[in-house]
Amino acid sequence: MASTYTDFQGLGQLKAAARANNPQAKAAAIKQFESVFIEMMLKAMRDATPKNPLFDNSQTSLYQNLYDHQLAINLAGHGDLGLGKLIGQSLGGQGVAQGAIPPDSSRSAPAATSAPPPSVAATGEAALPVTWPPATPADFVRAVMPYAKQAAAKIGVAPQVLVAQAALESGWGKRIPQLPDGRSSFNLFGIKAGSDWQGASVAVPTVEFNGGVLQQEKAAFRAYSSLAASFADYAKLITSQPRYQSAVAQASEPSAYLAQLQSAGYATDPAYAEKIQSILGGQHLLAIGAGIKNPANGPLT
């Protein structure tokens, strides 16, 4: 699914997948149909709204139409209106679950079981079934926590910190770049594919702060074969790059670790550490965060 209405490459990939009878293309096509219906609704709403002769002109109408184009895609991505499910049923099938496809990337891949590592399975920590992509934040936490514990042990940080960072970067698993064939890249930490990256990659639109101004650009991101590979590569990146050694040195203190991570330039968002701290103090991590230190929110109990 195209992440923006100008993403013709995304639409081209969807057409190619449909011609190849790729079953994963159906979900993405349903969302495209849903965005068309939503845009028609928005247009009817605009036409029924009384015009203001002082402010309404050809220029405002142009930008309003551009906004409605993008808004329709975003709303269809969230699935809040439920039209995708109805369209899917009319085509034959179960439709697309709400929230299955995020506004920023294709979420056409069917839910797949992500088995926990043997060490975790043996301890019984992942007794509940884990599906991907996750339907709720709680599902996200349950799916990634086993791998977060393994990566956190290598860095020396609390696993909840890595879960919170992954939640921010991936929108709780709903904004992960998709490969052309619809498979997830499992890139939970927004790690870009630089010249030293020898693995698979995927180019998608992203937003970055440049001089304090939010700008949209297209960048190549690393693609992994599993959740475990994503967490393992993150741990390798943090522990091997000299720029992040100050963060590793303060890994025992979540707030200090995140502050040093931001200072080292992990993300361009000036509020990056603050946003992760906010997720750390949220209900989804509070339930499993006993013992972790978070000065901004008090001890998690």
Protein backbone atom coordinates (compact mmCIF):
# COMPACT_ATOMS: atom_id res chain seq x y z
CA MET A 1 0.00 0.00 0.00
CA ALA A 2 1.28 3.44 -0.91
CA SER A 3 2.14 5.45 2.18
CA THR A 4 1.30 8.72 0.42
CA TYR A 5 -0.98 9.47 -2.49
CA THR A 6 2.10 10.41 -4.55
CA ASP A 7 3.85 7.07 -3.90
CA PHE A 8 3.42 5.66 -7.39
CA GLN A 9 6.16 3.10 -6.77
CA GLY A 10 4.10 1.59 -3.96
CA LEU A 11 1.07 1.36 -6.23
CA GLY A 12 3.20 -0.22 -8.95
CA GLN A 13 4.43 -2.86 -6.51
CA LEU A 14 0.85 -3.60 -5.50
CA LYS A 15 -0.19 -4.05 -9.14
CA ALA A 16 2.72 -6.40 -9.74
CA ALA A 17 1.81 -8.45 -6.68
CA ALA A 18 -1.82 -8.62 -7.82
CA ARG A 19 -0.82 -9.78 -11.31
CA ALA A 20 1.22 -12.54 -9.70
CA ASN A 21 -1.86 -13.61 -7.70
CA ASN A 22 -0.04 -12.89 -4.47
CA PRO A 23 -2.66 -13.45 -1.73
CA GLN A 24 -1.03 -10.75 0.37
CA ALA A 25 -1.94 -8.14 -2.25
CA LYS A 26 -5.65 -8.51 -1.46
CA ALA A 27 -5.43 -6.82 1.94
CA ALA A 28 -3.48 -3.88 0.50
CA ALA A 29 -5.90 -3.52 -2.41
CA ILE A 30 -8.84 -3.49 0.01
CA LYS A 31 -7.25 -0.60 1.88
CA GLN A 32 -6.77 1.29 -1.37
CA PHE A 33 -10.47 0.82 -2.16
CA GLU A 34 -11.35 1.97 1.33
CA SER A 35 -9.29 5.14 0.90
CA VAL A 36 -11.23 5.91 -2.30
CA PHE A 37 -14.54 5.59 -0.45
CA ILE A 38 -13.27 7.76 2.39
CA GLU A 39 -12.12 10.44 -0.05
CA MET A 40 -15.59 10.44 -1.63
CA MET A 41 -17.09 10.97 1.83
CA LEU A 42 -14.70 13.84 2.52
CA LYS A 43 -15.55 15.45 -0.81
CA ALA A 44 -19.28 15.22 -0.05
CA MET A 45 -18.65 16.78 3.34
CA ARG A 46 -16.63 19.63 1.81
CA ASP A 47 -19.33 20.28 -0.80
CA ALA A 48 -22.03 20.42 1.88
CA THR A 49 -20.06 22.87 4.03
CA PRO A 50 -20.98 26.56 3.48
CA LYS A 51 -18.19 28.48 1.81
CA ASN A 52 -16.50 31.47 3.34
CA PRO A 53 -16.07 34.13 0.63
CA LEU A 54 -13.27 35.74 2.62
CA PHE A 55 -11.01 32.70 2.86
CA ASP A 56 -12.21 30.19 0.26
CA ASN A 57 -10.50 30.49 -3.09
CA SER A 58 -8.83 28.31 -5.71
CA GLN A 59 -5.62 28.07 -3.68
CA THR A 60 -7.26 26.93 -0.45
CA SER A 61 -9.35 24.47 -2.45
CA LEU A 62 -6.19 23.01 -4.02
CA TYR A 63 -4.43 22.45 -0.70
CA GLN A 64 -7.61 21.16 0.87
CA ASN A 65 -7.89 18.53 -1.85
CA LEU A 66 -4.26 17.52 -1.35
CA TYR A 67 -4.90 17.21 2.37
CA ASP A 68 -8.02 15.10 1.79
CA HIS A 69 -6.08 12.75 -0.52
CA GLN A 70 -3.56 12.01 2.21
CA LEU A 71 -6.15 11.97 5.00
CA ALA A 72 -8.13 9.28 3.17
CA ILE A 73 -5.05 7.03 2.95
CA ASN A 74 -4.22 7.57 6.63
CA LEU A 75 -7.78 6.82 7.77
CA ALA A 76 -7.89 3.70 5.61
CA GLY A 77 -4.56 2.64 7.10
CA HIS A 78 -5.93 2.84 10.63
CA GLY A 79 -9.06 0.93 9.61
CA ASP A 80 -11.13 2.93 12.10
CA LEU A 81 -14.20 3.13 9.83
CA GLY A 82 -14.41 -0.61 9.24
CA LEU A 83 -15.05 -0.25 5.50
CA GLY A 84 -12.11 -2.52 4.67
CA LYS A 85 -13.73 -5.43 6.48
CA LEU A 86 -16.98 -4.96 4.57
CA ILE A 87 -15.17 -4.69 1.25
CA GLY A 88 -13.18 -7.82 2.03
CA GLN A 89 -16.33 -9.76 2.88
CA SER A 90 -18.01 -8.65 -0.34
CA LEU A 91 -14.99 -9.92 -2.29
CA GLY A 92 -15.09 -13.17 -0.39
CA GLY A 93 -13.12 -13.71 2.78
CA GLN A 94 -12.80 -12.25 6.22
CA GLY A 95 -11.74 -8.76 5.21
CA VAL A 96 -8.98 -6.82 6.94
CA ALA A 97 -8.87 -6.41 10.69
CA GLN A 98 -8.91 -2.90 12.08
CA GLY A 99 -5.43 -1.50 12.53
CA ALA A 100 -3.90 -4.25 10.41
CA ILE A 101 -2.40 -1.78 7.91
CA PRO A 102 -0.82 1.43 9.27
CA PRO A 103 -0.89 4.77 7.44
CA ASP A 104 2.83 4.82 6.74
CA SER A 105 3.44 1.38 5.25
CA SER A 106 1.81 -1.71 3.75
CA ARG A 107 0.43 -4.07 6.35
CA SER A 108 -0.80 -6.65 3.87
CA ALA A 109 1.10 -9.62 5.26
CA PRO A 110 -1.09 -12.09 7.17
CA ALA A 111 -0.52 -12.63 10.87
CA ALA A 112 2.23 -15.17 11.39
CA THR A 113 3.24 -16.99 14.50
CA SER A 114 6.51 -15.69 15.92
CA ALA A 115 7.89 -18.44 18.14
CA PRO A 116 9.92 -17.40 21.19
CA PRO A 117 13.51 -18.54 21.50
CA PRO A 118 14.00 -22.01 23.02
CA SER A 119 15.38 -20.59 26.26
CA VAL A 120 12.22 -18.59 26.79
CA ALA A 121 9.89 -21.38 25.75
CA ALA A 122 11.56 -23.68 28.27
CA THR A 123 10.84 -21.28 31.11
CA GLY A 124 7.22 -20.87 30.13
CA GLU A 125 7.45 -17.08 29.89
CA ALA A 126 5.69 -17.05 26.50
CA ALA A 127 2.83 -19.39 27.28
CA LEU A 128 0.31 -17.23 25.43
CA PRO A 129 0.23 -17.40 21.61
CA VAL A 130 2.14 -14.64 19.85
CA THR A 131 1.02 -13.24 16.49
CA TRP A 132 2.57 -10.72 14.13
CA PRO A 133 1.73 -8.03 13.28
CA PRO A 134 0.33 -7.31 16.75
CA ALA A 135 -3.27 -6.17 17.06
CA THR A 136 -2.76 -4.26 20.32
CA PRO A 137 0.13 -2.74 22.31
CA ALA A 138 -0.21 -5.63 24.77
CA ASP A 139 0.27 -8.10 21.90
CA PHE A 140 3.33 -6.12 20.82
CA VAL A 141 4.88 -6.31 24.29
CA ARG A 142 4.18 -10.03 24.54
CA ALA A 143 5.69 -10.68 21.10
CA VAL A 144 8.95 -8.74 21.51
CA MET A 145 9.72 -9.13 25.21
CA PRO A 146 11.60 -12.47 24.87
CA TYR A 147 13.96 -10.95 22.29
CA ALA A 148 14.22 -7.67 24.21
CA LYS A 149 15.51 -9.60 27.23
CA GLN A 150 18.25 -11.23 25.18
CA ALA A 151 19.37 -7.95 23.58
CA ALA A 152 19.11 -6.04 26.86
CA ALA A 153 21.39 -8.54 28.58
CA LYS A 154 24.12 -7.79 26.04
CA ILE A 155 23.78 -4.02 26.48
CA GLY A 156 23.18 -4.00 30.23
CA VAL A 157 19.90 -2.10 29.99
CA ALA A 158 16.44 -3.06 31.26
CA PRO A 159 14.45 -4.93 28.57
CA GLN A 160 11.49 -2.59 29.05
CA VAL A 161 13.64 0.25 27.70
CA LEU A 162 14.20 -1.61 24.44
CA VAL A 163 10.51 -2.52 24.19
CA ALA A 164 9.57 1.14 24.67
CA GLN A 165 12.10 2.29 22.06
CA ALA A 166 10.86 -0.32 19.58
CA ALA A 167 7.26 0.72 20.29
CA LEU A 168 8.08 4.35 19.48
CA GLU A 169 10.05 3.53 16.33
CA SER A 170 7.52 1.03 14.95
CA GLY A 171 4.23 2.46 16.23
CA TRP A 172 3.70 -0.64 18.39
CA GLY A 173 4.52 -2.83 15.40
CA LYS A 174 2.11 -1.13 12.99
CA ARG A 175 4.53 1.12 11.07
CA ILE A 176 7.26 -1.26 10.02
CA PRO A 177 8.61 -0.98 6.44
CA GLN A 178 7.35 -3.70 4.14
CA LEU A 179 9.31 -5.55 1.47
CA PRO A 180 7.96 -5.41 -2.12
CA ASP A 181 6.37 -8.85 -1.70
CA GLY A 182 4.44 -7.72 1.38
CA ARG A 183 6.65 -9.36 4.01
CA SER A 184 7.62 -7.39 7.09
CA SER A 185 11.17 -6.07 7.33
CA PHE A 186 10.98 -6.55 11.13
CA ASN A 187 12.96 -3.31 11.48
CA LEU A 188 11.74 -2.34 14.94
CA PHE A 189 14.38 0.30 15.66
CA GLY A 190 14.37 2.39 12.48
CA ILE A 191 17.96 1.41 11.65
CA LYS A 192 18.93 2.67 8.21
CA ALA A 193 20.92 0.67 5.68
CA GLY A 194 24.22 2.50 5.27
CA SER A 195 27.05 1.64 2.93
CA ASP A 196 28.40 -0.89 5.44
CA TRP A 197 25.15 -2.90 5.51
CA GLN A 198 25.40 -6.11 3.47
CA GLY A 199 21.92 -7.48 4.14
CA ALA A 200 18.51 -6.84 2.59
CA SER A 201 16.99 -3.36 2.67
CA VAL A 202 13.80 -1.54 1.78
CA ALA A 203 13.34 2.11 0.70
CA VAL A 204 10.35 3.90 2.24
CA PRO A 205 9.30 7.49 3.00
CA THR A 206 10.32 8.76 6.43
CA VAL A 207 10.41 12.03 8.34
CA GLU A 208 13.50 13.59 9.88
CA PHE A 209 14.24 16.76 11.82
CA ASN A 210 16.64 18.97 9.85
CA GLY A 211 17.62 22.14 11.64
CA GLY A 212 14.60 21.76 13.90
CA VAL A 213 12.23 21.47 10.92
CA LEU A 214 10.35 18.23 10.22
CA GLN A 215 10.96 17.12 6.63
CA GLN A 216 9.87 14.11 4.61
CA GLU A 217 12.42 12.09 2.67
CA LYS A 218 12.96 8.61 1.30
CA ALA A 219 15.56 6.39 2.91
CA ALA A 220 16.74 2.79 2.84
CA PHE A 221 16.18 0.77 6.00
CA ARG A 222 17.63 -2.57 7.02
CA ALA A 223 15.41 -5.63 6.59
CA TYR A 224 15.55 -8.65 8.89
CA SER A 225 14.19 -12.17 8.73
CA SER A 226 12.68 -12.13 12.22
CA LEU A 227 12.08 -10.19 15.42
CA ALA A 228 15.06 -11.93 16.97
CA ALA A 229 17.35 -10.72 14.17
CA SER A 230 16.13 -7.14 14.62
CA PHE A 231 16.90 -7.07 18.34
CA ALA A 232 20.22 -8.83 17.84
CA ASP A 233 21.34 -6.28 15.24
CA TYR A 234 20.29 -3.40 17.48
CA ALA A 235 22.34 -4.80 20.36
CA LYS A 236 25.32 -5.26 18.03
CA LEU A 237 24.99 -1.69 16.74
CA ILE A 238 24.80 -0.14 20.21
CA THR A 239 27.65 -2.15 21.69
CA SER A 240 30.03 -1.95 18.72
CA GLN A 241 29.73 1.68 17.62
CA PRO A 242 32.04 4.08 19.52
CA ARG A 243 29.44 6.87 19.38
CA TYR A 244 27.10 4.88 21.64
CA GLN A 245 29.61 3.82 24.29
CA SER A 246 28.56 6.66 26.59
CA ALA A 247 25.03 5.27 26.49
CA VAL A 248 26.25 1.73 27.22
CA ALA A 249 28.25 3.06 30.17
CA GLN A 250 25.02 4.37 31.72
CA ALA A 251 22.76 1.52 30.62
CA SER A 252 21.77 0.73 34.20
CA GLU A 253 19.88 4.03 34.37
CA PRO A 254 17.13 4.11 31.70
CA SER A 255 16.79 7.91 31.62
CA ALA A 256 20.56 8.40 31.35
CA TYR A 257 20.85 5.69 28.68
CA LEU A 258 18.15 7.30 26.55
CA ALA A 259 19.60 10.78 27.02
CA GLN A 260 23.04 9.60 25.90
CA LEU A 261 21.49 7.71 22.98
CA GLN A 262 19.84 10.92 21.81
CA SER A 263 23.01 12.98 22.36
CA ALA A 264 24.94 10.48 20.23
CA GLY A 265 22.58 11.17 17.35
CA TYR A 266 20.58 7.95 17.26
CA ALA A 267 17.52 9.98 16.19
CA THR A 268 16.99 13.52 14.92
CA ASP A 269 13.84 14.08 16.98
CA PRO A 270 14.79 16.52 19.78
CA ALA A 271 12.17 14.90 22.04
CA TYR A 272 13.23 11.32 21.27
CA ALA A 273 14.32 10.34 24.79
CA GLU A 274 11.33 12.08 26.34
CA LYS A 275 8.90 10.16 24.15
CA ILE A 276 10.44 6.82 25.07
CA GLN A 277 10.29 7.78 28.74
CA SER A 278 6.60 8.51 28.29
CA ILE A 279 6.02 5.03 26.86
CA LEU A 280 7.99 3.54 29.74
CA GLY A 281 5.52 5.13 32.14
CA GLY A 282 2.50 3.94 30.17
CA GLN A 283 0.08 1.23 31.22
CA HIS A 284 1.37 -1.38 28.77
CA LEU A 285 4.83 -1.41 30.32
CA LEU A 286 3.82 -0.50 33.87
CA ALA A 287 2.21 -3.91 34.17
CA ILE A 288 5.55 -5.65 33.64
CA GLY A 289 7.95 -2.94 34.77
CA ALA A 290 8.47 -3.78 38.42
CA GLY A 291 11.94 -2.77 39.50
CA ILE A 292 12.86 -0.57 36.54
CA LYS A 293 13.95 2.97 37.40
CA ASN A 294 12.20 5.84 35.68
CA PRO A 295 12.74 9.14 37.54
CA ALA A 296 10.21 10.99 35.39
CA ASN A 297 7.36 8.72 36.46
CA GLY A 298 8.52 7.35 39.80
CA PRO A 299 9.30 3.71 40.53
CA LEU A 300 7.28 1.27 38.45
CA THR A 301 5.42 -1.14 40.70
